[in-house]
PDB file of N, CA and C in Angstrom:
ATOM      1  N   UNK A   1     143.302 127.683 148.564  1.00  0.00           N
ATOM      2  CA  UNK A   1     144.650 127.303 148.855  1.00  0.00           C
ATOM      3  C   UNK A   1     145.577 128.504 148.859  1.00  0.00           C
ATOM      4  N   UNK A   2     145.029 129.642 148.761  1.00  0.00           N
ATOM      5  CA  UNK A   2     145.824 130.863 148.810  1.00  0.00           C
ATOM      6  C   UNK A   2     146.240 131.138 150.241  1.00  0.00           C
ATOM      7  N   UNK A   3     147.323 131.878 150.403  1.00  0.00           N
ATOM      8  CA  UNK A   3     147.822 132.183 151.733  1.00  0.00           C
ATOM      9  C   UNK A   3     146.892 133.134 152.469  1.00  0.00           C
ATOM     10  N   UNK A   4     146.277 134.045 151.764  1.00  0.00           N
ATOM     11  CA  UNK A   4     145.405 135.007 152.413  1.00  0.00           C
ATOM     12  C   UNK A   4     143.970 134.510 152.375  1.00  0.00           C
ATOM     13  N   UNK A   5     143.167 135.099 153.225  1.00  0.00           N
ATOM     14  CA  UNK A   5     141.758 134.742 153.207  1.00  0.00           C
ATOM     15  C   UNK A   5     141.196 135.055 151.825  1.00  0.00           C
ATOM     16  N   UNK A   6     140.302 134.227 151.377  1.00  0.00           N
ATOM     17  CA  UNK A   6     139.719 134.422 150.056  1.00  0.00           C
ATOM     18  C   UNK A   6     138.934 135.711 149.985  1.00  0.00           C
ATOM     19  N   UNK A   7     138.712 136.189 148.771  1.00  0.00           N
ATOM     20  CA  UNK A   7     137.941 137.413 148.599  1.00  0.00           C
ATOM     21  C   UNK A   7     136.529 137.255 149.160  1.00  0.00           C
ATOM     22  N   UNK A   8     136.036 138.304 149.792  1.00  0.00           N
ATOM     23  CA  UNK A   8     134.709 138.259 150.406  1.00  0.00           C
ATOM     24  C   UNK A   8     133.600 138.352 149.368  1.00  0.00           C
ATOM     25  N   UNK A   9     133.859 139.049 148.283  1.00  0.00           N
ATOM     26  CA  UNK A   9     132.841 139.232 147.255  1.00  0.00           C
ATOM     27  C   UNK A   9     133.460 139.017 145.878  1.00  0.00           C
ATOM     28  N   UNK A  10     132.591 138.927 144.897  1.00  0.00           N
ATOM     29  CA  UNK A  10     133.059 138.810 143.516  1.00  0.00           C
ATOM     30  C   UNK A  10     133.891 140.030 143.129  1.00  0.00           C
ATOM     31  N   UNK A  11     133.480 141.204 143.564  1.00  0.00           N
ATOM     32  CA  UNK A  11     134.239 142.425 143.261  1.00  0.00           C
ATOM     33  C   UNK A  11     135.630 142.362 143.887  1.00  0.00           C
ATOM     34  N   UNK A  12     135.721 141.844 145.132  1.00  0.00           N
ATOM     35  CA  UNK A  12     137.023 141.679 145.782  1.00  0.00           C
ATOM     36  C   UNK A  12     137.911 140.746 144.972  1.00  0.00           C
ATOM     37  N   UNK A  13     137.332 139.635 144.495  1.00  0.00           N
ATOM     38  CA  UNK A  13     138.094 138.671 143.706  1.00  0.00           C
ATOM     39  C   UNK A  13     138.661 139.338 142.464  1.00  0.00           C
ATOM     40  N   UNK A  14     137.830 140.056 141.734  1.00  0.00           N
ATOM     41  CA  UNK A  14     138.297 140.707 140.510  1.00  0.00           C
ATOM     42  C   UNK A  14     139.343 141.782 140.804  1.00  0.00           C
ATOM     43  N   UNK A  15     139.204 142.480 141.913  1.00  0.00           N
ATOM     44  CA  UNK A  15     140.206 143.484 142.284  1.00  0.00           C
ATOM     45  C   UNK A  15     141.545 142.819 142.626  1.00  0.00           C
ATOM     46  N   UNK A  16     141.502 141.701 143.350  1.00  0.00           N
ATOM     47  CA  UNK A  16     142.730 141.018 143.766  1.00  0.00           C
ATOM     48  C   UNK A  16     143.422 140.286 142.623  1.00  0.00           C
ATOM     49  N   UNK A  17     142.693 139.999 141.566  1.00  0.00           N
ATOM     50  CA  UNK A  17     143.276 139.212 140.470  1.00  0.00           C
ATOM     51  C   UNK A  17     143.408 140.020 139.176  1.00  0.00           C
ATOM     52  N   UNK A  18     143.289 141.331 139.268  1.00  0.00           N
ATOM     53  CA  UNK A  18     143.424 142.161 138.077  1.00  0.00           C
ATOM     54  C   UNK A  18     144.775 141.917 137.404  1.00  0.00           C
ATOM     55  N   UNK A  19     144.752 141.677 136.115  1.00  0.00           N
ATOM     56  CA  UNK A  19     145.962 141.436 135.353  1.00  0.00           C
ATOM     57  C   UNK A  19     146.413 139.979 135.349  1.00  0.00           C
ATOM     58  N   UNK A  20     145.734 139.128 136.097  1.00  0.00           N
ATOM     59  CA  UNK A  20     146.089 137.711 136.142  1.00  0.00           C
ATOM     60  C   UNK A  20     145.286 136.930 135.096  1.00  0.00           C
ATOM     61  N   UNK A  21     145.820 135.773 134.724  1.00  0.00           N
ATOM     62  CA  UNK A  21     145.081 134.842 133.875  1.00  0.00           C
ATOM     63  C   UNK A  21     144.282 133.942 134.807  1.00  0.00           C
ATOM     64  N   UNK A  22     143.013 133.711 134.485  1.00  0.00           N
ATOM     65  CA  UNK A  22     142.149 132.871 135.316  1.00  0.00           C
ATOM     66  C   UNK A  22     141.622 131.703 134.493  1.00  0.00           C
ATOM     67  N   UNK A  23     141.577 130.541 135.126  1.00  0.00           N
ATOM     68  CA  UNK A  23     141.116 129.312 134.483  1.00  0.00           C
ATOM     69  C   UNK A  23     140.206 128.567 135.452  1.00  0.00           C
ATOM     70  N   UNK A  24     139.233 127.850 134.906  1.00  0.00           N
ATOM     71  CA  UNK A  24     138.332 127.046 135.727  1.00  0.00           C
ATOM     72  C   UNK A  24     138.404 125.592 135.282  1.00  0.00           C
ATOM     73  N   UNK A  25     138.330 124.694 136.252  1.00  0.00           N
ATOM     74  CA  UNK A  25     138.198 123.266 135.983  1.00  0.00           C
ATOM     75  C   UNK A  25     136.703 122.961 136.049  1.00  0.00           C
ATOM     76  N   UNK A  26     136.163 122.454 134.958  1.00  0.00           N
ATOM     77  CA  UNK A  26     134.722 122.184 134.872  1.00  0.00           C
ATOM     78  C   UNK A  26     134.492 120.678 134.892  1.00  0.00           C
ATOM     79  N   UNK A  27     133.595 120.237 135.756  1.00  0.00           N
ATOM     80  CA  UNK A  27     133.197 118.827 135.824  1.00  0.00           C
ATOM     81  C   UNK A  27     131.678 118.786 135.776  1.00  0.00           C
ATOM     82  N   UNK A  28     131.140 118.088 134.784  1.00  0.00           N
ATOM     83  CA  UNK A  28     129.677 117.975 134.641  1.00  0.00           C
ATOM     84  C   UNK A  28     128.991 119.336 134.709  1.00  0.00           C
ATOM     85  N   UNK A  29     129.490 120.290 133.944  1.00  0.00           N
ATOM     86  CA  UNK A  29     128.930 121.644 133.864  1.00  0.00           C
ATOM     87  C   UNK A  29     128.985 122.426 135.181  1.00  0.00           C
ATOM     88  N   UNK A  30     129.861 122.010 136.090  1.00  0.00           N
ATOM     89  CA  UNK A  30     130.010 122.688 137.375  1.00  0.00           C
ATOM     90  C   UNK A  30     131.461 123.119 137.537  1.00  0.00           C
ATOM     91  N   UNK A  31     131.669 124.331 138.059  1.00  0.00           N
ATOM     92  CA  UNK A  31     133.031 124.780 138.347  1.00  0.00           C
ATOM     93  C   UNK A  31     133.538 123.992 139.555  1.00  0.00           C
ATOM     94  N   UNK A  32     134.519 123.132 139.303  1.00  0.00           N
ATOM     95  CA  UNK A  32     135.079 122.287 140.355  1.00  0.00           C
ATOM     96  C   UNK A  32     136.339 122.904 140.959  1.00  0.00           C
ATOM     97  N   UNK A  33     137.019 123.742 140.186  1.00  0.00           N
ATOM     98  CA  UNK A  33     138.247 124.342 140.668  1.00  0.00           C
ATOM     99  C   UNK A  33     138.547 125.635 139.947  1.00  0.00           C
ATOM    100  N   UNK A  34     139.417 126.423 140.536  1.00  0.00           N
ATOM    101  CA  UNK A  34     139.779 127.724 139.975  1.00  0.00           C
ATOM    102  C   UNK A  34     141.273 127.936 140.153  1.00  0.00           C
ATOM    103  N   UNK A  35     141.881 128.519 139.136  1.00  0.00           N
ATOM    104  CA  UNK A  35     143.306 128.809 139.141  1.00  0.00           C
ATOM    105  C   UNK A  35     143.508 130.203 138.590  1.00  0.00           C
ATOM    106  N   UNK A  36     144.330 131.014 139.282  1.00  0.00           N
ATOM    107  CA  UNK A  36     144.768 132.287 138.709  1.00  0.00           C
ATOM    108  C   UNK A  36     146.286 132.326 138.773  1.00  0.00           C
ATOM    109  N   UNK A  37     146.880 132.870 137.710  1.00  0.00           N
ATOM    110  CA  UNK A  37     148.338 132.954 137.650  1.00  0.00           C
ATOM    111  C   UNK A  37     148.766 134.364 137.278  1.00  0.00           C
ATOM    112  N   UNK A  38     149.898 134.741 137.821  1.00  0.00           N
ATOM    113  CA  UNK A  38     150.522 136.036 137.545  1.00  0.00           C
ATOM    114  C   UNK A  38     151.798 135.739 136.781  1.00  0.00           C
ATOM    115  N   UNK A  39     151.790 136.026 135.489  1.00  0.00           N
ATOM    116  CA  UNK A  39     152.902 135.657 134.618  1.00  0.00           C
ATOM    117  C   UNK A  39     154.210 136.407 134.880  1.00  0.00           C
ATOM    118  N   UNK A  40     154.187 137.702 135.232  1.00  0.00           N
ATOM    119  CA  UNK A  40     155.458 138.414 135.366  1.00  0.00           C
ATOM    120  C   UNK A  40     156.429 137.815 136.395  1.00  0.00           C
ATOM    121  N   UNK A  41     155.939 137.156 137.463  1.00  0.00           N
ATOM    122  CA  UNK A  41     156.881 136.682 138.496  1.00  0.00           C
ATOM    123  C   UNK A  41     157.534 135.340 138.197  1.00  0.00           C
ATOM    124  N   UNK A  42     157.097 134.276 137.793  1.00  0.00           N
ATOM    125  CA  UNK A  42     155.762 133.670 137.647  1.00  0.00           C
ATOM    126  C   UNK A  42     155.244 133.142 138.994  1.00  0.00           C
ATOM    127  N   UNK A  43     153.924 133.230 139.174  1.00  0.00           N
ATOM    128  CA  UNK A  43     153.328 132.982 140.485  1.00  0.00           C
ATOM    129  C   UNK A  43     151.910 132.443 140.334  1.00  0.00           C
ATOM    130  N   UNK A  44     151.594 131.404 141.101  1.00  0.00           N
ATOM    131  CA  UNK A  44     150.215 130.909 141.192  1.00  0.00           C
ATOM    132  C   UNK A  44     149.575 131.645 142.354  1.00  0.00           C
ATOM    133  N   UNK A  45     148.559 132.443 142.054  1.00  0.00           N
ATOM    134  CA  UNK A  45     147.918 133.245 143.095  1.00  0.00           C
ATOM    135  C   UNK A  45     146.830 132.446 143.803  1.00  0.00           C
ATOM    136  N   UNK A  46     145.851 131.978 143.046  1.00  0.00           N
ATOM    137  CA  UNK A  46     144.781 131.170 143.635  1.00  0.00           C
ATOM    138  C   UNK A  46     144.752 129.802 142.971  1.00  0.00           C
ATOM    139  N   UNK A  47     144.653 128.780 143.788  1.00  0.00           N
ATOM    140  CA  UNK A  47     144.380 127.423 143.329  1.00  0.00           C
ATOM    141  C   UNK A  47     143.395 126.859 144.341  1.00  0.00           C
ATOM    142  N   UNK A  48     142.154 126.731 143.922  1.00  0.00           N
ATOM    143  CA  UNK A  48     141.084 126.334 144.824  1.00  0.00           C
ATOM    144  C   UNK A  48     140.287 125.217 144.170  1.00  0.00           C
ATOM    145  N   UNK A  49     139.998 124.178 144.947  1.00  0.00           N
ATOM    146  CA  UNK A  49     139.136 123.096 144.474  1.00  0.00           C
ATOM    147  C   UNK A  49     137.950 123.014 145.424  1.00  0.00           C
ATOM    148  N   UNK A  50     136.749 123.024 144.855  1.00  0.00           N
ATOM    149  CA  UNK A  50     135.527 122.914 145.643  1.00  0.00           C
ATOM    150  C   UNK A  50     135.574 121.633 146.481  1.00  0.00           C
ATOM    151  N   UNK A  51     135.130 121.714 147.726  1.00  0.00           N
ATOM    152  CA  UNK A  51     135.170 120.550 148.620  1.00  0.00           C
ATOM    153  C   UNK A  51     134.524 119.307 148.006  1.00  0.00           C
ATOM    154  N   UNK A  52     133.449 119.492 147.284  1.00  0.00           N
ATOM    155  CA  UNK A  52     132.727 118.356 146.686  1.00  0.00           C
ATOM    156  C   UNK A  52     133.544 117.645 145.610  1.00  0.00           C
ATOM    157  N   UNK A  53     134.600 118.277 145.118  1.00  0.00           N
ATOM    158  CA  UNK A  53     135.397 117.711 144.025  1.00  0.00           C
ATOM    159  C   UNK A  53     136.832 117.366 144.442  1.00  0.00           C
ATOM    160  N   UNK A  54     137.130 117.438 145.708  1.00  0.00           N
ATOM    161  CA  UNK A  54     138.496 117.155 146.155  1.00  0.00           C
ATOM    162  C   UNK A  54     138.809 115.659 146.073  1.00  0.00           C
ATOM    163  N   UNK A  55     140.099 115.361 146.017  1.00  0.00           N
ATOM    164  CA  UNK A  55     140.610 113.987 145.930  1.00  0.00           C
ATOM    165  C   UNK A  55     140.219 113.291 144.634  1.00  0.00           C
ATOM    166  N   UNK A  56     140.095 114.071 143.565  1.00  0.00           N
ATOM    167  CA  UNK A  56     139.797 113.522 142.241  1.00  0.00           C
ATOM    168  C   UNK A  56     140.878 113.893 141.225  1.00  0.00           C
ATOM    169  N   UNK A  57     141.975 114.485 141.683  1.00  0.00           N
ATOM    170  CA  UNK A  57     143.062 114.849 140.785  1.00  0.00           C
ATOM    171  C   UNK A  57     142.938 116.230 140.174  1.00  0.00           C
ATOM    172  N   UNK A  58     141.925 116.993 140.568  1.00  0.00           N
ATOM    173  CA  UNK A  58     141.712 118.319 139.986  1.00  0.00           C
ATOM    174  C   UNK A  58     142.814 119.283 140.407  1.00  0.00           C
ATOM    175  N   UNK A  59     143.196 119.271 141.675  1.00  0.00           N
ATOM    176  CA  UNK A  59     144.285 120.136 142.132  1.00  0.00           C
ATOM    177  C   UNK A  59     145.586 119.814 141.409  1.00  0.00           C
ATOM    178  N   UNK A  60     145.883 118.538 141.247  1.00  0.00           N
ATOM    179  CA  UNK A  60     147.092 118.119 140.521  1.00  0.00           C
ATOM    180  C   UNK A  60     147.045 118.586 139.074  1.00  0.00           C
ATOM    181  N   UNK A  61     145.874 118.452 138.448  1.00  0.00           N
ATOM    182  CA  UNK A  61     145.735 118.880 137.052  1.00  0.00           C
ATOM    183  C   UNK A  61     145.902 120.390 136.918  1.00  0.00           C
ATOM    184  N   UNK A  62     145.348 121.154 137.857  1.00  0.00           N
ATOM    185  CA  UNK A  62     145.492 122.609 137.810  1.00  0.00           C
ATOM    186  C   UNK A  62     146.947 123.017 138.026  1.00  0.00           C
ATOM    187  N   UNK A  63     147.644 122.348 138.930  1.00  0.00           N
ATOM    188  CA  UNK A  63     149.069 122.627 139.133  1.00  0.00           C
ATOM    189  C   UNK A  63     149.855 122.372 137.852  1.00  0.00           C
ATOM    190  N   UNK A  64     149.623 121.225 137.227  1.00  0.00           N
ATOM    191  CA  UNK A  64     150.336 120.882 135.994  1.00  0.00           C
ATOM    192  C   UNK A  64     150.026 121.893 134.898  1.00  0.00           C
ATOM    193  N   UNK A  65     148.784 122.307 134.801  1.00  0.00           N
ATOM    194  CA  UNK A  65     148.359 123.297 133.816  1.00  0.00           C
ATOM    195  C   UNK A  65     149.116 124.607 134.036  1.00  0.00           C
ATOM    196  N   UNK A  66     149.195 125.043 135.304  1.00  0.00           N
ATOM    197  CA  UNK A  66     149.888 126.302 135.627  1.00  0.00           C
ATOM    198  C   UNK A  66     151.367 126.217 135.272  1.00  0.00           C
ATOM    199  N   UNK A  67     152.016 125.120 135.630  1.00  0.00           N
ATOM    200  CA  UNK A  67     153.439 124.960 135.356  1.00  0.00           C
ATOM    201  C   UNK A  67     153.687 124.934 133.849  1.00  0.00           C
ATOM    202  N   UNK A  68     152.782 124.318 133.103  1.00  0.00           N
ATOM    203  CA  UNK A  68     152.928 124.284 131.643  1.00  0.00           C
ATOM    204  C   UNK A  68     152.887 125.693 131.058  1.00  0.00           C
ATOM    205  N   UNK A  69     152.131 126.582 131.661  1.00  0.00           N
ATOM    206  CA  UNK A  69     152.029 127.953 131.159  1.00  0.00           C
ATOM    207  C   UNK A  69     153.120 128.864 131.690  1.00  0.00           C
ATOM    208  N   UNK A  70     153.524 128.652 132.929  1.00  0.00           N
ATOM    209  CA  UNK A  70     154.488 129.551 133.570  1.00  0.00           C
ATOM    210  C   UNK A  70     155.931 129.091 133.453  1.00  0.00           C
ATOM    211  N   UNK A  71     156.149 127.804 133.292  1.00  0.00           N
ATOM    212  CA  UNK A  71     157.504 127.272 133.319  1.00  0.00           C
ATOM    213  C   UNK A  71     158.006 127.193 134.748  1.00  0.00           C
ATOM    214  N   UNK A  72     159.298 126.945 134.878  1.00  0.00           N
ATOM    215  CA  UNK A  72     159.947 126.830 136.189  1.00  0.00           C
ATOM    216  C   UNK A  72     161.143 127.756 136.230  1.00  0.00           C
ATOM    217  N   UNK A  73     161.478 128.311 137.349  1.00  0.00           N
ATOM    218  CA  UNK A  73     160.839 128.146 138.637  1.00  0.00           C
ATOM    219  C   UNK A  73     159.509 128.896 138.702  1.00  0.00           C
ATOM    220  N   UNK A  74     158.651 128.436 139.579  1.00  0.00           N
ATOM    221  CA  UNK A  74     157.357 129.073 139.812  1.00  0.00           C
ATOM    222  C   UNK A  74     157.079 128.993 141.310  1.00  0.00           C
ATOM    223  N   UNK A  75     156.420 130.014 141.851  1.00  0.00           N
ATOM    224  CA  UNK A  75     156.130 130.096 143.282  1.00  0.00           C
ATOM    225  C   UNK A  75     154.634 130.138 143.534  1.00  0.00           C
ATOM    226  N   UNK A  76     154.277 129.830 144.778  1.00  0.00           N
ATOM    227  CA  UNK A  76     152.913 130.020 145.276  1.00  0.00           C
ATOM    228  C   UNK A  76     152.998 130.177 146.781  1.00  0.00           C
ATOM    229  N   UNK A  77     151.924 130.663 147.381  1.00  0.00           N
ATOM    230  CA  UNK A  77     151.834 130.784 148.828  1.00  0.00           C
ATOM    231  C   UNK A  77     150.765 129.822 149.322  1.00  0.00           C
ATOM    232  N   UNK A  78     150.971 129.321 150.536  1.00  0.00           N
ATOM    233  CA  UNK A  78     150.004 128.411 151.140  1.00  0.00           C
ATOM    234  C   UNK A  78     149.874 128.730 152.625  1.00  0.00           C
ATOM    235  N   UNK A  79     148.644 128.845 153.089  1.00  0.00           N
ATOM    236  CA  UNK A  79     148.392 129.074 154.504  1.00  0.00           C
ATOM    237  C   UNK A  79     149.148 128.031 155.322  1.00  0.00           C
ATOM    238  N   UNK A  80     149.785 128.470 156.378  1.00  0.00           N
ATOM    239  CA  UNK A  80     150.629 127.602 157.187  1.00  0.00           C
ATOM    240  C   UNK A  80     149.841 126.456 157.835  1.00  0.00           C
ATOM    241  N   UNK A  81     148.533 126.597 157.952  1.00  0.00           N
ATOM    242  CA  UNK A  81     147.687 125.574 158.578  1.00  0.00           C
ATOM    243  C   UNK A  81     146.991 124.670 157.565  1.00  0.00           C
ATOM    244  N   UNK A  82     147.208 124.884 156.286  1.00  0.00           N
ATOM    245  CA  UNK A  82     146.499 124.125 155.248  1.00  0.00           C
ATOM    246  C   UNK A  82     147.295 122.870 154.866  1.00  0.00           C
ATOM    247  N   UNK A  83     147.257 121.859 155.738  1.00  0.00           N
ATOM    248  CA  UNK A  83     148.017 120.623 155.511  1.00  0.00           C
ATOM    249  C   UNK A  83     147.602 119.889 154.232  1.00  0.00           C
ATOM    250  N   UNK A  84     146.312 119.803 153.880  1.00  0.00           N
ATOM    251  CA  UNK A  84     145.979 119.103 152.636  1.00  0.00           C
ATOM    252  C   UNK A  84     146.635 119.740 151.407  1.00  0.00           C
ATOM    253  N   UNK A  85     146.652 121.069 151.344  1.00  0.00           N
ATOM    254  CA  UNK A  85     147.289 121.748 150.211  1.00  0.00           C
ATOM    255  C   UNK A  85     148.796 121.525 150.245  1.00  0.00           C
ATOM    256  N   UNK A  86     149.399 121.616 151.426  1.00  0.00           N
ATOM    257  CA  UNK A  86     150.839 121.396 151.541  1.00  0.00           C
ATOM    258  C   UNK A  86     151.207 119.992 151.063  1.00  0.00           C
ATOM    259  N   UNK A  87     150.413 119.004 151.433  1.00  0.00           N
ATOM    260  CA  UNK A  87     150.671 117.627 150.984  1.00  0.00           C
ATOM    261  C   UNK A  87     150.599 117.520 149.468  1.00  0.00           C
ATOM    262  N   UNK A  88     149.627 118.190 148.873  1.00  0.00           N
ATOM    263  CA  UNK A  88     149.493 118.183 147.410  1.00  0.00           C
ATOM    264  C   UNK A  88     150.742 118.766 146.762  1.00  0.00           C
ATOM    265  N   UNK A  89     151.155 119.930 147.216  1.00  0.00           N
ATOM    266  CA  UNK A  89     152.315 120.583 146.622  1.00  0.00           C
ATOM    267  C   UNK A  89     153.576 119.729 146.786  1.00  0.00           C
ATOM    268  N   UNK A  90     153.786 119.232 147.986  1.00  0.00           N
ATOM    269  CA  UNK A  90     154.991 118.449 148.252  1.00  0.00           C
ATOM    270  C   UNK A  90     155.004 117.147 147.451  1.00  0.00           C
ATOM    271  N   UNK A  91     153.838 116.553 147.241  1.00  0.00           N
ATOM    272  CA  UNK A  91     153.736 115.336 146.424  1.00  0.00           C
ATOM    273  C   UNK A  91     154.225 115.580 145.002  1.00  0.00           C
ATOM    274  N   UNK A  92     154.067 116.812 144.535  1.00  0.00           N
ATOM    275  CA  UNK A  92     154.458 117.167 143.170  1.00  0.00           C
ATOM    276  C   UNK A  92     155.822 117.859 143.093  1.00  0.00           C
ATOM    277  N   UNK A  93     156.590 117.801 144.169  1.00  0.00           N
ATOM    278  CA  UNK A  93     157.963 118.294 144.127  1.00  0.00           C
ATOM    279  C   UNK A  93     158.164 119.730 144.561  1.00  0.00           C
ATOM    280  N   UNK A  94     157.121 120.405 145.013  1.00  0.00           N
ATOM    281  CA  UNK A  94     157.264 121.775 145.508  1.00  0.00           C
ATOM    282  C   UNK A  94     157.951 121.735 146.860  1.00  0.00           C
ATOM    283  N   UNK A  95     158.770 122.756 147.141  1.00  0.00           N
ATOM    284  CA  UNK A  95     159.495 122.839 148.404  1.00  0.00           C
ATOM    285  C   UNK A  95     159.300 124.219 149.030  1.00  0.00           C
ATOM    286  N   UNK A  96     159.258 124.226 150.368  1.00  0.00           N
ATOM    287  CA  UNK A  96     159.133 125.490 151.098  1.00  0.00           C
ATOM    288  C   UNK A  96     160.450 126.245 150.982  1.00  0.00           C
ATOM    289  N   UNK A  97     160.362 127.513 150.563  1.00  0.00           N
ATOM    290  CA  UNK A  97     161.545 128.363 150.468  1.00  0.00           C
ATOM    291  C   UNK A  97     161.493 129.547 151.432  1.00  0.00           C
ATOM    292  N   UNK A  98     160.324 129.765 152.047  1.00  0.00           N
ATOM    293  CA  UNK A  98     160.185 130.890 152.977  1.00  0.00           C
ATOM    294  C   UNK A  98     158.991 130.637 153.889  1.00  0.00           C
ATOM    295  N   UNK A  99     159.143 131.039 155.146  1.00  0.00           N
ATOM    296  CA  UNK A  99     158.045 130.995 156.106  1.00  0.00           C
ATOM    297  C   UNK A  99     157.798 132.419 156.553  1.00  0.00           C
ATOM    298  N   UNK A 100     156.571 132.926 156.356  1.00  0.00           N
ATOM    299  CA  UNK A 100     156.234 134.309 156.698  1.00  0.00           C
ATOM    300  C   UNK A 100     155.212 134.282 157.825  1.00  0.00           C
ATOM    301  N   UNK A 101     155.551 134.936 158.930  1.00  0.00           N
ATOM    302  CA  UNK A 101     154.705 134.893 160.119  1.00  0.00           C
ATOM    303  C   UNK A 101     153.900 136.173 160.337  1.00  0.00           C
ATOM    304  N   UNK A 102     153.931 137.129 159.447  1.00  0.00           N
ATOM    305  CA  UNK A 102     153.121 138.317 159.617  1.00  0.00           C
ATOM    306  C   UNK A 102     153.841 139.517 159.060  1.00  0.00           C
ATOM    307  N   UNK A 103     153.234 140.640 158.950  1.00  0.00           N
ATOM    308  CA  UNK A 103     151.843 140.876 159.345  1.00  0.00           C
ATOM    309  C   UNK A 103     150.871 140.113 158.448  1.00  0.00           C
ATOM    310  N   UNK A 104     149.679 139.952 158.929  1.00  0.00           N
ATOM    311  CA  UNK A 104     148.677 139.186 158.195  1.00  0.00           C
ATOM    312  C   UNK A 104     148.808 137.704 158.494  1.00  0.00           C
ATOM    313  N   UNK A 105     148.047 136.894 157.764  1.00  0.00           N
ATOM    314  CA  UNK A 105     148.071 135.446 158.005  1.00  0.00           C
ATOM    315  C   UNK A 105     149.447 134.844 157.712  1.00  0.00           C
ATOM    316  N   UNK A 106     149.831 133.862 158.500  1.00  0.00           N
ATOM    317  CA  UNK A 106     151.100 133.164 158.299  1.00  0.00           C
ATOM    318  C   UNK A 106     150.983 132.257 157.085  1.00  0.00           C
ATOM    319  N   UNK A 107     152.073 132.176 156.308  1.00  0.00           N
ATOM    320  CA  UNK A 107     152.056 131.307 155.130  1.00  0.00           C
ATOM    321  C   UNK A 107     153.453 130.822 154.808  1.00  0.00           C
ATOM    322  N   UNK A 108     153.466 129.752 154.008  1.00  0.00           N
ATOM    323  CA  UNK A 108     154.706 129.265 153.411  1.00  0.00           C
ATOM    324  C   UNK A 108     154.733 129.708 151.962  1.00  0.00           C
ATOM    325  N   UNK A 109     155.914 130.083 151.487  1.00  0.00           N
ATOM    326  CA  UNK A 109     156.114 130.298 150.061  1.00  0.00           C
ATOM    327  C   UNK A 109     156.756 129.026 149.541  1.00  0.00           C
ATOM    328  N   UNK A 110     156.081 128.412 148.573  1.00  0.00           N
ATOM    329  CA  UNK A 110     156.577 127.201 147.932  1.00  0.00           C
ATOM    330  C   UNK A 110     157.162 127.546 146.574  1.00  0.00           C
ATOM    331  N   UNK A 111     158.151 126.750 146.146  1.00  0.00           N
ATOM    332  CA  UNK A 111     158.746 126.937 144.821  1.00  0.00           C
ATOM    333  C   UNK A 111     158.910 125.570 144.151  1.00  0.00           C
ATOM    334  N   UNK A 112     158.640 125.552 142.872  1.00  0.00           N
ATOM    335  CA  UNK A 112     158.936 124.398 142.035  1.00  0.00           C
ATOM    336  C   UNK A 112     160.111 124.802 141.164  1.00  0.00           C
ATOM    337  N   UNK A 113     161.241 124.189 141.432  1.00  0.00           N
ATOM    338  CA  UNK A 113     162.491 124.534 140.744  1.00  0.00           C
ATOM    339  C   UNK A 113     162.550 123.894 139.357  1.00  0.00           C
ATOM    340  N   UNK A 114     163.436 124.413 138.515  1.00  0.00           N
ATOM    341  CA  UNK A 114     163.640 123.786 137.205  1.00  0.00           C
ATOM    342  C   UNK A 114     164.124 122.346 137.366  1.00  0.00           C
ATOM    343  N   UNK A 115     163.807 121.529 136.384  1.00  0.00           N
ATOM    344  CA  UNK A 115     164.271 120.155 136.383  1.00  0.00           C
ATOM    345  C   UNK A 115     165.693 120.146 135.848  1.00  0.00           C
ATOM    346  N   UNK A 116     166.590 119.519 136.580  1.00  0.00           N
ATOM    347  CA  UNK A 116     167.980 119.416 136.120  1.00  0.00           C
ATOM    348  C   UNK A 116     168.172 118.049 135.489  1.00  0.00           C
ATOM    349  N   UNK A 117     168.736 118.038 134.307  1.00  0.00           N
ATOM    350  CA  UNK A 117     168.917 116.789 133.577  1.00  0.00           C
ATOM    351  C   UNK A 117     170.299 116.200 133.773  1.00  0.00           C
ATOM    352  N   UNK A 118     171.078 116.736 134.684  1.00  0.00           N
ATOM    353  CA  UNK A 118     172.422 116.215 134.957  1.00  0.00           C
ATOM    354  C   UNK A 118     173.493 117.084 134.344  1.00  0.00           C
ATOM    355  N   UNK A 119     174.693 116.789 134.700  1.00  0.00           N
ATOM    356  CA  UNK A 119     175.839 117.557 134.180  1.00  0.00           C
ATOM    357  C   UNK A 119     176.118 117.187 132.733  1.00  0.00           C
ATOM    358  N   UNK A 120     176.596 118.146 131.983  1.00  0.00           N
ATOM    359  CA  UNK A 120     176.943 117.896 130.578  1.00  0.00           C
ATOM    360  C   UNK A 120     178.386 118.211 130.335  1.00  0.00           C
TER     361      UNK A 120
END
């Protein structure tokens, strides 16, 4: 669900996620999903759910887990053609704040804003 093409090798993955916190969603001793977060911005870098485990709430759980650790506002990028991921984010209140058309793959930057409890 990352905006850029996924890492080609394990070494590429570790190079691209250096300094990030990484978490795995495990189902029946199998890695069903992966999440990496960059705390300084705060930013969700990778949120990926294995095809065999999609539509089981794993993506929603990983999003909630990330927000619990990062707080709000928090951003992520999503490939402009990834409608299933966009639907997931929008279902949980994320909104597009930027559309980037290049260089490189086109993507949307999504943001989850702080919850406002009303005027005081």
